C-alpha cells in the first residue's frame, strides 16, 4: 500500500513598493523551493495567501506518493 508525504512551504513577501529587489528575491526563492520539491516528486496541490499589512504570505502544500 502506498503512503503519501505532505510538505508545506511558507514564503513571506514584502508589500513595500520601495523594496522591489527584496520582493524579486523572495519570489525567486519561492520558485526555487517549489522546483526543488518537484525534482524529487512532489506536486503542488494547493496555495493559500495570507494578506497582512506589510507582507503577503504564500503557503504552498505539496504532496508525493511514496512507493
PDB file of N, CA and C in Angstrom:
ATOM      1  N   UNK A   1       0.833  -1.181   0.000  1.00  0.00           N
ATOM      2  CA  UNK A   1       0.000   0.000   0.000  1.00  0.00           C
ATOM      3  C   UNK A   1       0.882   1.249   0.000  1.00  0.00           C
ATOM      4  N   UNK A   2       0.605   2.165  -0.874  1.00  0.00           N
ATOM      5  CA  UNK A   2       1.377   3.402  -0.986  1.00  0.00           C
ATOM      6  C   UNK A   2       0.930   4.397   0.083  1.00  0.00           C
ATOM      7  N   UNK A   3       1.891   5.155   0.556  1.00  0.00           N
ATOM      8  CA  UNK A   3       1.598   6.228   1.502  1.00  0.00           C
ATOM      9  C   UNK A   3       1.856   7.566   0.819  1.00  0.00           C
ATOM     10  N   UNK A   4       1.396   8.628   1.423  1.00  0.00           N
ATOM     11  CA  UNK A   4       1.569   9.950   0.843  1.00  0.00           C
ATOM     12  C   UNK A   4       2.353  10.831   1.804  1.00  0.00           C
ATOM     13  N   UNK A   5       3.293  11.592   1.247  1.00  0.00           N
ATOM     14  CA  UNK A   5       4.028  12.600   2.014  1.00  0.00           C
ATOM     15  C   UNK A   5       3.446  13.965   1.702  1.00  0.00           C
ATOM     16  N   UNK A   6       3.339  14.779   2.722  1.00  0.00           N
ATOM     17  CA  UNK A   6       2.815  16.136   2.556  1.00  0.00           C
ATOM     18  C   UNK A   6       3.847  17.111   3.115  1.00  0.00           C
ATOM     19  N   UNK A   7       4.155  18.137   2.340  1.00  0.00           N
ATOM     20  CA  UNK A   7       5.071  19.191   2.766  1.00  0.00           C
ATOM     21  C   UNK A   7       4.380  20.531   2.598  1.00  0.00           C
ATOM     22  N   UNK A   8       4.720  21.477   3.447  1.00  0.00           N
ATOM     23  CA  UNK A   8       4.245  22.848   3.257  1.00  0.00           C
ATOM     24  C   UNK A   8       5.456  23.769   3.212  1.00  0.00           C
ATOM     25  N   UNK A   9       5.344  24.772   2.388  1.00  0.00           N
ATOM     26  CA  UNK A   9       6.374  25.791   2.270  1.00  0.00           C
ATOM     27  C   UNK A   9       5.701  27.137   2.505  1.00  0.00           C
ATOM     28  N   UNK A  10       6.246  27.918   3.422  1.00  0.00           N
ATOM     29  CA  UNK A  10       5.736  29.261   3.675  1.00  0.00           C
ATOM     30  C   UNK A  10       6.747  30.274   3.157  1.00  0.00           C
ATOM     31  N   UNK A  11       6.257  31.226   2.383  1.00  0.00           N
ATOM     32  CA  UNK A  11       7.111  32.275   1.849  1.00  0.00           C
ATOM     33  C   UNK A  11       6.462  33.612   2.146  1.00  0.00           C
ATOM     34  N   UNK A  12       7.201  34.475   2.821  1.00  0.00           N
ATOM     35  CA  UNK A  12       6.700  35.808   3.150  1.00  0.00           C
ATOM     36  C   UNK A  12       7.326  36.808   2.182  1.00  0.00           C
ATOM     37  N   UNK A  13       6.477  37.605   1.525  1.00  0.00           N
ATOM     38  CA  UNK A  13       6.927  38.572   0.523  1.00  0.00           C
ATOM     39  C   UNK A  13       6.476  39.963   0.961  1.00  0.00           C
ATOM     40  N   UNK A  14       7.449  40.871   0.975  1.00  0.00           N
ATOM     41  CA  UNK A  14       7.142  42.236   1.386  1.00  0.00           C
ATOM     42  C   UNK A  14       6.175  42.910   0.409  1.00  0.00           C
ATOM     43  N   UNK A  15       5.355  43.789   0.928  1.00  0.00           N
ATOM     44  CA  UNK A  15       4.422  44.546   0.097  1.00  0.00           C
ATOM     45  C   UNK A  15       4.932  45.960  -0.160  1.00  0.00           C
ATOM     46  N   UNK A  16       6.096  46.292   0.394  1.00  0.00           N
ATOM     47  CA  UNK A  16       6.680  47.627   0.264  1.00  0.00           C
ATOM     48  C   UNK A  16       7.147  47.848  -1.173  1.00  0.00           C
ATOM     49  N   UNK A  17       6.521  48.803  -1.873  1.00  0.00           N
ATOM     50  CA  UNK A  17       6.867  49.083  -3.267  1.00  0.00           C
ATOM     51  C   UNK A  17       8.290  49.613  -3.425  1.00  0.00           C
ATOM     52  N   UNK A  18       8.900  50.061  -2.339  1.00  0.00           N
ATOM     53  CA  UNK A  18      10.278  50.539  -2.385  1.00  0.00           C
ATOM     54  C   UNK A  18      11.280  49.399  -2.253  1.00  0.00           C
ATOM     55  N   UNK A  19      10.806  48.196  -2.068  1.00  0.00           N
ATOM     56  CA  UNK A  19      11.664  47.021  -1.871  1.00  0.00           C
ATOM     57  C   UNK A  19      11.516  46.022  -3.021  1.00  0.00           C
ATOM     58  N   UNK A  20      11.579  46.519  -4.245  1.00  0.00           N
ATOM     59  CA  UNK A  20      11.394  45.677  -5.434  1.00  0.00           C
ATOM     60  C   UNK A  20      12.427  44.557  -5.479  1.00  0.00           C
ATOM     61  N   UNK A  21      13.677  44.850  -5.138  1.00  0.00           N
ATOM     62  CA  UNK A  21      14.714  43.811  -5.154  1.00  0.00           C
ATOM     63  C   UNK A  21      14.415  42.726  -4.127  1.00  0.00           C
ATOM     64  N   UNK A  22      13.970  43.118  -2.955  1.00  0.00           N
ATOM     65  CA  UNK A  22      13.622  42.135  -1.920  1.00  0.00           C
ATOM     66  C   UNK A  22      12.442  41.280  -2.381  1.00  0.00           C
ATOM     67  N   UNK A  23      11.424  41.908  -2.980  1.00  0.00           N
ATOM     68  CA  UNK A  23      10.278  41.157  -3.493  1.00  0.00           C
ATOM     69  C   UNK A  23      10.726  40.138  -4.533  1.00  0.00           C
ATOM     70  N   UNK A  24      11.558  40.581  -5.453  1.00  0.00           N
ATOM     71  CA  UNK A  24      12.040  39.683  -6.512  1.00  0.00           C
ATOM     72  C   UNK A  24      12.822  38.522  -5.924  1.00  0.00           C
ATOM     73  N   UNK A  25      13.682  38.793  -4.955  1.00  0.00           N
ATOM     74  CA  UNK A  25      14.476  37.747  -4.319  1.00  0.00           C
ATOM     75  C   UNK A  25      13.585  36.760  -3.571  1.00  0.00           C
ATOM     76  N   UNK A  26      12.586  37.264  -2.850  1.00  0.00           N
ATOM     77  CA  UNK A  26      11.686  36.403  -2.094  1.00  0.00           C
ATOM     78  C   UNK A  26      10.867  35.512  -3.032  1.00  0.00           C
ATOM     79  N   UNK A  27      10.393  36.068  -4.138  1.00  0.00           N
ATOM     80  CA  UNK A  27       9.628  35.272  -5.102  1.00  0.00           C
ATOM     81  C   UNK A  27      10.518  34.271  -5.822  1.00  0.00           C
ATOM     82  N   UNK A  28      11.761  34.657  -6.102  1.00  0.00           N
ATOM     83  CA  UNK A  28      12.702  33.718  -6.736  1.00  0.00           C
ATOM     84  C   UNK A  28      13.011  32.562  -5.790  1.00  0.00           C
ATOM     85  N   UNK A  29      13.153  32.847  -4.502  1.00  0.00           N
ATOM     86  CA  UNK A  29      13.395  31.788  -3.513  1.00  0.00           C
ATOM     87  C   UNK A  29      12.209  30.835  -3.451  1.00  0.00           C
ATOM     88  N   UNK A  30      10.994  31.366  -3.522  1.00  0.00           N
ATOM     89  CA  UNK A  30       9.794  30.513  -3.516  1.00  0.00           C
ATOM     90  C   UNK A  30       9.802  29.602  -4.733  1.00  0.00           C
ATOM     91  N   UNK A  31      10.108  30.173  -5.882  1.00  0.00           N
ATOM     92  CA  UNK A  31      10.144  29.388  -7.109  1.00  0.00           C
ATOM     93  C   UNK A  31      11.193  28.277  -7.020  1.00  0.00           C
ATOM     94  N   UNK A  32      12.347  28.588  -6.480  1.00  0.00           N
ATOM     95  CA  UNK A  32      13.398  27.581  -6.338  1.00  0.00           C
ATOM     96  C   UNK A  32      12.978  26.481  -5.357  1.00  0.00           C
ATOM     97  N   UNK A  33      12.332  26.863  -4.256  1.00  0.00           N
ATOM     98  CA  UNK A  33      11.838  25.859  -3.298  1.00  0.00           C
ATOM     99  C   UNK A  33      10.842  24.910  -3.968  1.00  0.00           C
ATOM    100  N   UNK A  34       9.918  25.472  -4.736  1.00  0.00           N
ATOM    101  CA  UNK A  34       8.924  24.640  -5.420  1.00  0.00           C
ATOM    102  C   UNK A  34       9.591  23.735  -6.455  1.00  0.00           C
ATOM    103  N   UNK A  35      10.549  24.269  -7.183  1.00  0.00           N
ATOM    104  CA  UNK A  35      11.262  23.465  -8.185  1.00  0.00           C
ATOM    105  C   UNK A  35      12.054  22.337  -7.540  1.00  0.00           C
ATOM    106  N   UNK A  36      12.699  22.631  -6.423  1.00  0.00           N
ATOM    107  CA  UNK A  36      13.474  21.605  -5.709  1.00  0.00           C
ATOM    108  C   UNK A  36      12.582  20.455  -5.265  1.00  0.00           C
ATOM    109  N   UNK A  37      11.419  20.779  -4.754  1.00  0.00           N
ATOM    110  CA  UNK A  37      10.483  19.739  -4.331  1.00  0.00           C
ATOM    111  C   UNK A  37       9.959  18.949  -5.536  1.00  0.00           C
ATOM    112  N   UNK A  38       9.713  19.643  -6.640  1.00  0.00           N
ATOM    113  CA  UNK A  38       9.212  18.963  -7.850  1.00  0.00           C
ATOM    114  C   UNK A  38      10.240  17.965  -8.383  1.00  0.00           C
ATOM    115  N   UNK A  39      11.515  18.296  -8.274  1.00  0.00           N
ATOM    116  CA  UNK A  39      12.561  17.392  -8.755  1.00  0.00           C
ATOM    117  C   UNK A  39      12.587  16.068  -7.999  1.00  0.00           C
ATOM    118  N   UNK A  40      12.089  16.050  -6.778  1.00  0.00           N
ATOM    119  CA  UNK A  40      12.070  14.799  -6.006  1.00  0.00           C
ATOM    120  C   UNK A  40      10.664  14.198  -5.935  1.00  0.00           C
ATOM    121  N   UNK A  41       9.781  14.660  -6.836  1.00  0.00           N
ATOM    122  CA  UNK A  41       8.492  14.002  -6.981  1.00  0.00           C
ATOM    123  C   UNK A  41       7.296  14.666  -6.338  1.00  0.00           C
ATOM    124  N   UNK A  42       7.472  15.815  -5.719  1.00  0.00           N
ATOM    125  CA  UNK A  42       6.331  16.498  -5.106  1.00  0.00           C
ATOM    126  C   UNK A  42       5.557  17.282  -6.156  1.00  0.00           C
ATOM    127  N   UNK A  43       4.252  17.338  -5.981  1.00  0.00           N
ATOM    128  CA  UNK A  43       3.377  18.132  -6.845  1.00  0.00           C
ATOM    129  C   UNK A  43       2.689  19.189  -5.991  1.00  0.00           C
ATOM    130  N   UNK A  44       2.620  20.390  -6.518  1.00  0.00           N
ATOM    131  CA  UNK A  44       1.919  21.471  -5.831  1.00  0.00           C
ATOM    132  C   UNK A  44       0.426  21.184  -5.898  1.00  0.00           C
ATOM    133  N   UNK A  45      -0.214  21.080  -4.732  1.00  0.00           N
ATOM    134  CA  UNK A  45      -1.640  20.754  -4.728  1.00  0.00           C
ATOM    135  C   UNK A  45      -2.525  21.908  -4.265  1.00  0.00           C
ATOM    136  N   UNK A  46      -1.930  22.873  -3.559  1.00  0.00           N
ATOM    137  CA  UNK A  46      -2.745  23.986  -3.083  1.00  0.00           C
ATOM    138  C   UNK A  46      -1.850  25.146  -2.675  1.00  0.00           C
ATOM    139  N   UNK A  47      -2.306  26.361  -2.957  1.00  0.00           N
ATOM    140  CA  UNK A  47      -1.628  27.567  -2.486  1.00  0.00           C
ATOM    141  C   UNK A  47      -2.657  28.469  -1.832  1.00  0.00           C
ATOM    142  N   UNK A  48      -2.334  28.887  -0.619  1.00  0.00           N
ATOM    143  CA  UNK A  48      -3.168  29.862   0.086  1.00  0.00           C
ATOM    144  C   UNK A  48      -2.327  31.116   0.286  1.00  0.00           C
ATOM    145  N   UNK A  49      -2.967  32.266   0.260  1.00  0.00           N
ATOM    146  CA  UNK A  49      -2.263  33.510   0.557  1.00  0.00           C
ATOM    147  C   UNK A  49      -2.878  34.143   1.793  1.00  0.00           C
ATOM    148  N   UNK A  50      -2.008  34.668   2.617  1.00  0.00           N
ATOM    149  CA  UNK A  50      -2.431  35.369   3.821  1.00  0.00           C
ATOM    150  C   UNK A  50      -1.956  36.807   3.667  1.00  0.00           C
ATOM    151  N   UNK A  51      -2.895  37.717   3.563  1.00  0.00           N
ATOM    152  CA  UNK A  51      -2.588  39.113   3.298  1.00  0.00           C
ATOM    153  C   UNK A  51      -2.477  39.874   4.607  1.00  0.00           C
ATOM    154  N   UNK A  52      -1.267  40.370   4.885  1.00  0.00           N
ATOM    155  CA  UNK A  52      -1.049  41.189   6.074  1.00  0.00           C
ATOM    156  C   UNK A  52      -0.825  42.635   5.678  1.00  0.00           C
ATOM    157  N   UNK A  53      -0.539  43.479   6.646  1.00  0.00           N
ATOM    158  CA  UNK A  53      -0.342  44.892   6.351  1.00  0.00           C
ATOM    159  C   UNK A  53       0.989  45.150   5.659  1.00  0.00           C
ATOM    160  N   UNK A  54       2.030  44.405   6.021  1.00  0.00           N
ATOM    161  CA  UNK A  54       3.355  44.627   5.452  1.00  0.00           C
ATOM    162  C   UNK A  54       3.819  43.511   4.521  1.00  0.00           C
ATOM    163  N   UNK A  55       3.218  42.341   4.657  1.00  0.00           N
ATOM    164  CA  UNK A  55       3.659  41.174   3.895  1.00  0.00           C
ATOM    165  C   UNK A  55       2.467  40.379   3.377  1.00  0.00           C
ATOM    166  N   UNK A  56       2.717  39.620   2.307  1.00  0.00           N
ATOM    167  CA  UNK A  56       1.812  38.574   1.853  1.00  0.00           C
ATOM    168  C   UNK A  56       2.558  37.268   2.107  1.00  0.00           C
ATOM    169  N   UNK A  57       1.885  36.321   2.737  1.00  0.00           N
ATOM    170  CA  UNK A  57       2.492  35.024   2.985  1.00  0.00           C
ATOM    171  C   UNK A  57       1.830  33.999   2.083  1.00  0.00           C
ATOM    172  N   UNK A  58       2.667  33.285   1.315  1.00  0.00           N
ATOM    173  CA  UNK A  58       2.204  32.189   0.480  1.00  0.00           C
ATOM    174  C   UNK A  58       2.419  30.896   1.260  1.00  0.00           C
ATOM    175  N   UNK A  59       1.389  30.079   1.362  1.00  0.00           N
ATOM    176  CA  UNK A  59       1.502  28.770   1.993  1.00  0.00           C
ATOM    177  C   UNK A  59       1.186  27.736   0.917  1.00  0.00           C
ATOM    178  N   UNK A  60       2.240  27.064   0.469  1.00  0.00           N
ATOM    179  CA  UNK A  60       2.118  26.074  -0.601  1.00  0.00           C
ATOM    180  C   UNK A  60       2.100  24.689   0.009  1.00  0.00           C
ATOM    181  N   UNK A  61       1.141  23.863  -0.400  1.00  0.00           N
ATOM    182  CA  UNK A  61       1.050  22.473   0.036  1.00  0.00           C
ATOM    183  C   UNK A  61       1.426  21.583  -1.133  1.00  0.00           C
ATOM    184  N   UNK A  62       2.364  20.682  -0.866  1.00  0.00           N
ATOM    185  CA  UNK A  62       2.865  19.763  -1.884  1.00  0.00           C
ATOM    186  C   UNK A  62       2.672  18.335  -1.401  1.00  0.00           C
ATOM    187  N   UNK A  63       2.387  17.443  -2.335  1.00  0.00           N
ATOM    188  CA  UNK A  63       2.204  16.028  -1.974  1.00  0.00           C
ATOM    189  C   UNK A  63       3.039  15.145  -2.898  1.00  0.00           C
ATOM    190  N   UNK A  64       3.359  13.981  -2.380  1.00  0.00           N
ATOM    191  CA  UNK A  64       4.099  12.972  -3.155  1.00  0.00           C
ATOM    192  C   UNK A  64       3.654  11.594  -2.696  1.00  0.00           C
ATOM    193  N   UNK A  65       3.403  10.720  -3.664  1.00  0.00           N
ATOM    194  CA  UNK A  65       3.061   9.340  -3.338  1.00  0.00           C
ATOM    195  C   UNK A  65       4.348   8.571  -3.125  1.00  0.00           C
ATOM    196  N   UNK A  66       4.451   7.891  -1.984  1.00  0.00           N
ATOM    197  CA  UNK A  66       5.604   7.066  -1.673  1.00  0.00           C
ATOM    198  C   UNK A  66       5.318   5.631  -2.080  1.00  0.00           C
ATOM    199  N   UNK A  67       6.281   4.999  -2.686  1.00  0.00           N
ATOM    200  CA  UNK A  67       6.106   3.605  -3.093  1.00  0.00           C
ATOM    201  C   UNK A  67       6.432   2.637  -1.968  1.00  0.00           C
TER     202      UNK A  67
END
